[in-house]
Amino acid sequence: MAVPLDLTQRLGEGWCVTVTVLAPALTLDMMGVARVSEVPDGLTVASRRIPQRLPEVMLLAKEKGEGSLVLEVEGTIGWIGAGAEMLGELSEAGRACTIYRDPNKIELLVAEDGDVIGGMSAVSLSSWGSFDERWTEGLDETSGTPSQCAVLALEAITGVGLDAGALDDPWLGGLTKGPTY
């Protein structure tokens, strides 16, 4: 088995990854991006915006598996993909899942049929809601960092694995106003 991507090692202490069954442009539109465009150096562009604390947030998306992978790195006002209403809306066409890190926690949320149904702390591996324990079967403190555990659970839930190339350019992207919760 390949070593799962450690998002904290790659992105630092703040990130959010959302996986949906929707096409990337549609997902970005639903998340509030007014003008979706190609962003060939997306991760660099988004990362440079972090210290500026701008009112808009850069969202990046690409095709992954049968749907989309959305990346947020500007979480100073919260994560759009972690909002219950947003994740619920993104799940109306099929299961959606978000993993995110704030400096003190790494969590996973899963939504189906328009509602968040459960979640998990990737630090303690404790879950809540209607969380299918098969999604974390075999995960324990020897499975890697909490970030890697979150990636493994994301893959079990969505079928979308994140390897070293998952965050490589190019991306689709654009600006949105930020979370509404």
Protein backbone atom coordinates (compact mmCIF):
# COMPACT_ATOMS: atom_id res chain seq x y z
CA MET A 1 0.00 0.00 0.00
CA ALA A 2 1.31 3.45 -0.91
CA VAL A 3 2.01 5.93 1.85
CA PRO A 4 -0.94 8.35 2.04
CA LEU A 5 -0.31 12.02 1.44
CA ASP A 6 0.43 14.02 4.59
CA LEU A 7 -1.47 17.23 3.89
CA THR A 8 -0.03 18.99 6.96
CA GLN A 9 3.51 18.28 5.82
CA ARG A 10 2.68 19.50 2.32
CA LEU A 11 0.39 22.47 3.11
CA GLY A 12 1.11 23.51 6.69
CA GLU A 13 -1.29 24.00 9.58
CA GLY A 14 -4.36 25.17 7.69
CA TRP A 15 -6.08 23.40 4.79
CA CYS A 16 -9.41 22.01 3.67
CA VAL A 17 -10.03 19.34 1.03
CA THR A 18 -13.52 18.54 -0.22
CA VAL A 19 -14.43 15.66 -2.54
CA THR A 20 -17.76 15.61 -4.42
CA VAL A 21 -19.28 13.63 -7.27
CA LEU A 22 -19.89 16.87 -9.18
CA ALA A 23 -17.78 18.34 -12.00
CA PRO A 24 -15.11 20.83 -10.85
CA ALA A 25 -16.64 23.93 -12.48
CA LEU A 26 -20.09 23.13 -11.08
CA THR A 27 -18.65 22.49 -7.62
CA LEU A 28 -16.83 25.83 -7.64
CA ASP A 29 -19.99 27.58 -8.82
CA MET A 30 -22.01 26.02 -6.00
CA MET A 31 -19.33 27.12 -3.53
CA GLY A 32 -19.78 30.72 -4.63
CA VAL A 33 -17.03 31.26 -7.21
CA ALA A 34 -18.35 33.92 -9.57
CA ARG A 35 -15.84 33.44 -12.39
CA VAL A 36 -14.24 30.04 -12.77
CA SER A 37 -11.02 30.08 -14.78
CA GLU A 38 -7.90 28.04 -15.33
CA VAL A 39 -5.24 28.61 -12.68
CA PRO A 40 -2.08 26.92 -13.97
CA ASP A 41 -0.10 27.69 -10.79
CA GLY A 42 -3.05 27.48 -8.39
CA LEU A 43 -1.37 26.31 -5.20
CA THR A 44 1.29 29.03 -5.47
CA VAL A 45 -1.32 31.73 -6.19
CA ALA A 46 -3.54 30.64 -3.30
CA SER A 47 -0.61 30.32 -0.88
CA ARG A 48 0.64 33.83 -1.65
CA ARG A 49 -2.75 35.23 -0.67
CA ILE A 50 -2.70 33.83 2.90
CA PRO A 51 -0.70 36.61 4.66
CA GLN A 52 -2.84 39.29 2.99
CA ARG A 53 -6.06 38.13 4.74
CA LEU A 54 -8.20 39.32 1.88
CA PRO A 55 -12.02 39.26 2.14
CA GLU A 56 -12.34 36.84 -0.78
CA VAL A 57 -11.07 33.26 -0.67
CA MET A 58 -9.36 31.45 -3.56
CA LEU A 59 -10.87 28.02 -4.20
CA LEU A 60 -9.10 25.51 -6.42
CA ALA A 61 -10.67 22.43 -7.99
CA LYS A 62 -9.71 19.62 -10.32
CA GLU A 63 -11.19 16.43 -11.61
CA LYS A 64 -10.42 13.49 -9.36
CA GLY A 65 -11.97 10.08 -9.75
CA GLU A 66 -15.61 10.44 -10.78
CA GLY A 67 -15.93 13.99 -9.46
CA SER A 68 -14.01 16.87 -7.94
CA LEU A 69 -11.26 17.61 -5.48
CA VAL A 70 -11.54 21.13 -4.03
CA LEU A 71 -8.66 22.71 -2.13
CA GLU A 72 -8.77 25.67 0.26
CA VAL A 73 -5.68 27.08 1.96
CA GLU A 74 -7.09 30.45 3.10
CA GLY A 75 -8.97 29.48 6.24
CA THR A 76 -8.48 32.53 8.41
CA ILE A 77 -12.26 33.07 8.48
CA GLY A 78 -13.26 29.41 8.28
CA TRP A 79 -13.47 26.68 5.66
CA ILE A 80 -16.19 26.86 3.02
CA GLY A 81 -16.17 23.10 2.46
CA ALA A 82 -16.64 22.43 6.19
CA GLY A 83 -19.88 24.39 6.43
CA ALA A 84 -22.78 22.03 7.09
CA GLU A 85 -25.10 23.77 4.62
CA MET A 86 -22.47 23.85 1.89
CA LEU A 87 -21.36 20.25 2.34
CA GLY A 88 -24.99 19.18 2.47
CA GLU A 89 -25.74 21.01 -0.77
CA LEU A 90 -22.73 19.42 -2.44
CA SER A 91 -24.00 15.97 -1.39
CA GLU A 92 -27.42 16.21 -3.03
CA ALA A 93 -26.06 14.42 -6.12
CA GLY A 94 -24.07 11.87 -4.12
CA ARG A 95 -21.83 11.55 -1.08
CA ALA A 96 -19.51 14.47 -0.31
CA CYS A 97 -16.68 14.51 2.19
CA THR A 98 -14.45 17.23 3.64
CA ILE A 99 -11.26 16.90 5.63
CA TYR A 100 -9.75 19.98 7.20
CA ARG A 101 -7.09 21.16 9.57
CA ASP A 102 -7.08 24.12 11.85
CA PRO A 103 -4.02 24.43 14.07
CA ASN A 104 -5.60 22.42 16.91
CA LYS A 105 -7.69 19.82 15.12
CA ILE A 106 -7.99 17.65 12.04
CA GLU A 107 -11.52 16.56 11.25
CA LEU A 108 -13.54 14.78 8.61
CA LEU A 109 -17.19 15.46 7.74
CA VAL A 110 -19.37 13.32 5.49
CA ALA A 111 -22.68 14.29 3.90
CA GLU A 112 -25.31 12.35 1.99
CA ASP A 113 -28.61 13.36 0.42
CA GLY A 114 -28.28 17.02 1.42
CA ASP A 115 -27.27 16.59 5.07
CA VAL A 116 -24.07 16.12 7.06
CA ILE A 117 -24.53 12.67 8.59
CA GLY A 118 -21.37 12.28 10.63
CA GLY A 119 -17.78 13.09 11.25
CA MET A 120 -14.54 12.02 12.84
CA SER A 121 -11.60 13.53 14.67
CA ALA A 122 -8.48 12.33 12.86
CA VAL A 123 -6.48 13.04 16.03
CA SER A 124 -8.47 10.83 18.43
CA LEU A 125 -10.15 8.68 15.73
CA SER A 126 -13.46 9.18 17.54
CA SER A 127 -16.53 9.51 15.34
CA TRP A 128 -20.03 10.92 15.71
CA GLY A 129 -23.35 10.83 13.95
CA SER A 130 -24.17 8.12 11.41
CA PHE A 131 -20.54 7.35 10.77
CA ASP A 132 -19.96 3.90 9.29
CA GLU A 133 -17.12 2.33 11.27
CA ARG A 134 -16.03 0.44 8.12
CA TRP A 135 -14.74 3.81 6.87
CA THR A 136 -12.03 3.77 9.53
CA GLU A 137 -11.52 0.04 9.88
CA GLY A 138 -7.85 -0.66 10.51
CA LEU A 139 -6.98 2.96 11.37
CA ASP A 140 -5.06 3.43 14.60
CA GLU A 141 -2.09 5.38 15.92
CA THR A 142 0.23 3.31 13.71
CA SER A 143 -1.60 4.37 10.50
CA GLY A 144 0.44 7.56 10.17
CA THR A 145 -0.07 11.15 11.18
CA PRO A 146 -3.59 12.43 11.87
CA SER A 147 -3.44 14.08 8.44
CA GLN A 148 -2.66 10.73 6.82
CA CYS A 149 -5.49 9.06 8.80
CA ALA A 150 -7.89 11.70 7.48
CA VAL A 151 -6.72 11.01 3.91
CA LEU A 152 -7.18 7.26 4.39
CA ALA A 153 -10.71 7.77 5.75
CA LEU A 154 -11.52 10.16 2.87
CA GLU A 155 -10.46 7.44 0.44
CA ALA A 156 -12.56 4.79 2.22
CA ILE A 157 -15.62 7.07 2.12
CA THR A 158 -15.31 8.48 -1.41
CA GLY A 159 -13.04 6.07 -3.27
CA VAL A 160 -10.76 9.03 -4.06
CA GLY A 161 -7.17 8.58 -2.96
CA LEU A 162 -4.72 11.43 -2.50
CA ASP A 163 -1.16 10.73 -3.55
CA ALA A 164 1.84 13.04 -3.92
CA GLY A 165 0.59 14.31 -7.28
CA ALA A 166 -2.95 15.10 -6.12
CA LEU A 167 -2.10 18.74 -5.39
CA ASP A 168 -0.04 19.35 -8.51
CA ASP A 169 -1.05 22.03 -11.01
CA PRO A 170 -3.07 22.82 -13.08
CA TRP A 171 -6.34 23.75 -11.37
CA LEU A 172 -9.61 25.50 -12.07
CA GLY A 173 -10.29 28.22 -9.55
CA GLY A 174 -11.66 31.55 -8.58
CA LEU A 175 -12.59 33.84 -5.73
CA THR A 176 -15.54 33.50 -3.38
CA LYS A 177 -16.69 35.54 -0.41
CA GLY A 178 -15.81 32.94 2.21
CA PRO A 179 -17.87 30.75 4.53
CA THR A 180 -21.38 31.79 5.48
CA TYR A 181 -21.71 29.94 8.78
